[in-house]
Amino acid sequence: MITHISAVYFFLGFVAALVVVELTDGKPAKKADHSSNRGIEISNPYPIQDTPQQDTFNSQRPNNNGERND
């Protein structure tokens, strides 16, 4: 005996298969052409900065003894 949840899963699978067939027009997938060796150019999105600056936020925080680092 098929339970109700099994019937629901079967129906959803059937509908999903119909959607895939309709979206692809039933044509098989084509293999990608990797024969052309195109050069990939990658830009430098984060260039190196000149010199790192002093961390001013931590110097404004108090030490364990309650004093500031001025």
N, C-alpha and C. Protein backbone atom coordinates (compact mmCIF):
# COMPACT_ATOMS: atom_id res chain seq x y z
N MET A 1 0.84 -1.18 0.00
CA MET A 1 0.00 0.00 0.00
C MET A 1 0.88 1.24 0.00
N ILE A 2 0.60 2.16 -0.89
CA ILE A 2 1.37 3.40 -0.99
C ILE A 2 0.78 4.42 -0.01
N THR A 3 1.66 4.96 0.83
CA THR A 3 1.19 5.96 1.79
C THR A 3 1.01 7.29 1.09
N HIS A 4 0.34 8.18 1.77
CA HIS A 4 0.07 9.50 1.18
C HIS A 4 1.35 10.28 0.94
N ILE A 5 2.32 10.18 1.86
CA ILE A 5 3.57 10.94 1.70
C ILE A 5 4.36 10.41 0.51
N SER A 6 4.29 9.10 0.26
CA SER A 6 4.98 8.54 -0.90
C SER A 6 4.37 9.06 -2.19
N ALA A 7 3.05 9.17 -2.21
CA ALA A 7 2.37 9.70 -3.39
C ALA A 7 2.74 11.16 -3.63
N VAL A 8 2.89 11.91 -2.55
CA VAL A 8 3.27 13.32 -2.67
C VAL A 8 4.69 13.43 -3.23
N TYR A 9 5.62 12.61 -2.71
CA TYR A 9 6.99 12.64 -3.22
C TYR A 9 7.07 12.20 -4.68
N PHE A 10 6.29 11.21 -5.04
CA PHE A 10 6.26 10.77 -6.43
C PHE A 10 5.75 11.89 -7.33
N PHE A 11 4.69 12.56 -6.90
CA PHE A 11 4.13 13.66 -7.69
C PHE A 11 5.13 14.80 -7.84
N LEU A 12 5.81 15.17 -6.75
CA LEU A 12 6.79 16.25 -6.82
C LEU A 12 7.96 15.88 -7.73
N GLY A 13 8.40 14.63 -7.68
CA GLY A 13 9.46 14.18 -8.57
C GLY A 13 9.04 14.20 -10.02
N PHE A 14 7.80 13.79 -10.26
CA PHE A 14 7.26 13.82 -11.62
C PHE A 14 7.19 15.24 -12.16
N VAL A 15 6.71 16.16 -11.35
CA VAL A 15 6.62 17.56 -11.77
C VAL A 15 8.02 18.13 -11.99
N ALA A 16 8.97 17.80 -11.13
CA ALA A 16 10.34 18.29 -11.31
C ALA A 16 10.94 17.78 -12.61
N ALA A 17 10.68 16.52 -12.93
CA ALA A 17 11.19 15.95 -14.19
C ALA A 17 10.56 16.65 -15.39
N LEU A 18 9.28 16.94 -15.31
CA LEU A 18 8.63 17.68 -16.41
C LEU A 18 9.22 19.06 -16.59
N VAL A 19 9.52 19.73 -15.50
CA VAL A 19 10.11 21.06 -15.57
C VAL A 19 11.49 20.99 -16.23
N VAL A 20 12.31 20.01 -15.85
CA VAL A 20 13.64 19.87 -16.43
C VAL A 20 13.55 19.59 -17.92
N VAL A 21 12.66 18.71 -18.31
CA VAL A 21 12.53 18.38 -19.73
C VAL A 21 12.03 19.58 -20.52
N GLU A 22 11.10 20.33 -19.97
CA GLU A 22 10.58 21.50 -20.69
C GLU A 22 11.64 22.60 -20.79
N LEU A 23 12.43 22.79 -19.75
CA LEU A 23 13.44 23.85 -19.78
C LEU A 23 14.61 23.52 -20.70
N THR A 24 14.92 22.24 -20.85
CA THR A 24 16.05 21.85 -21.70
C THR A 24 15.61 21.41 -23.09
N ASP A 25 14.33 21.38 -23.35
CA ASP A 25 13.76 20.93 -24.62
C ASP A 25 14.17 19.50 -24.94
N GLY A 26 14.51 18.72 -23.93
CA GLY A 26 14.86 17.32 -24.13
C GLY A 26 16.21 17.09 -24.76
N LYS A 27 17.02 18.15 -24.93
CA LYS A 27 18.34 18.00 -25.55
C LYS A 27 19.36 17.59 -24.50
N PRO A 28 20.27 16.70 -24.85
CA PRO A 28 21.30 16.32 -23.87
C PRO A 28 22.30 17.47 -23.67
N ALA A 29 22.98 17.42 -22.56
CA ALA A 29 23.97 18.45 -22.25
C ALA A 29 25.13 18.36 -23.22
N LYS A 30 25.69 19.51 -23.58
CA LYS A 30 26.85 19.55 -24.47
C LYS A 30 28.12 19.64 -23.63
N LYS A 31 29.17 18.97 -24.08
CA LYS A 31 30.43 19.02 -23.38
C LYS A 31 31.10 20.37 -23.65
N ALA A 32 31.65 20.96 -22.63
CA ALA A 32 32.31 22.26 -22.78
C ALA A 32 33.60 22.11 -23.58
N ASP A 33 33.90 23.12 -24.39
CA ASP A 33 35.11 23.12 -25.21
C ASP A 33 36.23 23.79 -24.43
N HIS A 34 37.16 22.98 -23.93
CA HIS A 34 38.29 23.50 -23.17
C HIS A 34 39.57 23.53 -23.99
N SER A 35 39.44 23.38 -25.30
CA SER A 35 40.64 23.29 -26.13
C SER A 35 41.32 24.65 -26.32
N SER A 36 40.57 25.72 -26.31
CA SER A 36 41.19 27.03 -26.50
C SER A 36 41.84 27.47 -25.19
N ASN A 37 43.12 27.72 -25.25
CA ASN A 37 43.87 28.14 -24.06
C ASN A 37 43.88 29.66 -23.98
N ARG A 38 42.81 30.17 -23.48
CA ARG A 38 42.72 31.62 -23.32
C ARG A 38 43.43 32.03 -22.04
N GLY A 39 44.20 33.10 -22.10
CA GLY A 39 44.88 33.60 -20.92
C GLY A 39 43.89 34.33 -20.03
N ILE A 40 43.92 33.99 -18.77
CA ILE A 40 43.03 34.64 -17.81
C ILE A 40 43.82 35.73 -17.12
N GLU A 41 43.30 36.94 -17.19
CA GLU A 41 43.97 38.07 -16.55
C GLU A 41 43.25 38.39 -15.26
N ILE A 42 43.98 38.36 -14.17
CA ILE A 42 43.41 38.65 -12.86
C ILE A 42 43.98 39.97 -12.38
N SER A 43 43.09 40.90 -12.06
CA SER A 43 43.55 42.19 -11.55
C SER A 43 43.88 42.06 -10.07
N ASN A 44 44.54 43.04 -9.54
CA ASN A 44 44.92 43.06 -8.13
C ASN A 44 43.91 43.93 -7.38
N PRO A 45 42.86 43.33 -6.81
CA PRO A 45 41.83 44.14 -6.18
C PRO A 45 42.27 44.79 -4.87
N TYR A 46 43.26 44.21 -4.20
CA TYR A 46 43.72 44.76 -2.92
C TYR A 46 45.22 45.01 -3.01
N PRO A 47 45.62 46.17 -3.53
CA PRO A 47 47.06 46.44 -3.66
C PRO A 47 47.71 46.59 -2.28
N ILE A 48 49.02 46.30 -2.24
CA ILE A 48 49.75 46.40 -0.99
C ILE A 48 49.89 47.87 -0.62
N GLN A 49 49.57 48.19 0.63
CA GLN A 49 49.68 49.57 1.10
C GLN A 49 51.13 49.89 1.40
N ASP A 50 51.45 51.19 1.45
CA ASP A 50 52.83 51.62 1.68
C ASP A 50 53.39 51.05 2.97
N THR A 51 52.94 51.55 4.08
CA THR A 51 53.38 51.04 5.38
C THR A 51 52.16 50.93 6.28
N PRO A 52 52.08 49.93 7.11
CA PRO A 52 50.95 49.85 8.03
C PRO A 52 51.00 50.97 9.05
N GLN A 53 49.85 51.53 9.32
CA GLN A 53 49.77 52.64 10.28
C GLN A 53 49.52 52.07 11.68
N GLN A 54 49.80 52.91 12.67
CA GLN A 54 49.60 52.49 14.05
C GLN A 54 48.11 52.32 14.31
N ASP A 55 47.77 51.30 15.09
CA ASP A 55 46.39 51.05 15.45
C ASP A 55 45.98 52.05 16.51
N THR A 56 45.16 53.04 16.12
CA THR A 56 44.80 54.10 17.07
C THR A 56 43.64 53.69 17.96
N PHE A 57 42.84 52.71 17.53
CA PHE A 57 41.70 52.33 18.36
C PHE A 57 42.15 51.69 19.66
N ASN A 58 43.09 50.75 19.57
CA ASN A 58 43.54 50.08 20.78
C ASN A 58 44.33 51.01 21.69
N SER A 59 44.96 52.04 21.14
CA SER A 59 45.69 52.97 21.99
C SER A 59 44.75 53.84 22.80
N GLN A 60 43.49 53.94 22.42
CA GLN A 60 42.52 54.74 23.16
C GLN A 60 41.82 53.94 24.24
N ARG A 61 42.00 52.62 24.23
CA ARG A 61 41.35 51.78 25.23
C ARG A 61 42.19 51.75 26.50
N PRO A 62 41.54 51.66 27.63
CA PRO A 62 42.31 51.60 28.88
C PRO A 62 43.00 50.25 29.04
N ASN A 63 44.16 50.29 29.78
CA ASN A 63 44.86 49.05 30.09
C ASN A 63 44.11 48.31 31.18
N ASN A 64 44.70 47.21 31.63
CA ASN A 64 44.08 46.47 32.74
C ASN A 64 44.05 47.27 34.01
N ASN A 65 45.00 48.20 34.17
CA ASN A 65 45.04 49.00 35.38
C ASN A 65 44.21 50.29 35.26
N GLY A 66 43.51 50.48 34.15
CA GLY A 66 42.60 51.63 34.01
C GLY A 66 43.24 52.83 33.34
N GLU A 67 44.53 52.78 32.98
CA GLU A 67 45.19 53.92 32.34
C GLU A 67 45.09 53.80 30.84
N ARG A 68 45.14 54.97 30.17
CA ARG A 68 45.11 54.99 28.71
C ARG A 68 46.52 54.96 28.16
N ASN A 69 46.65 54.55 26.89
CA ASN A 69 47.97 54.46 26.25
C ASN A 69 48.22 55.68 25.40
N ASP A 70 48.30 56.86 25.96
CA ASP A 70 48.52 58.06 25.14
C ASP A 70 49.93 58.35 24.91
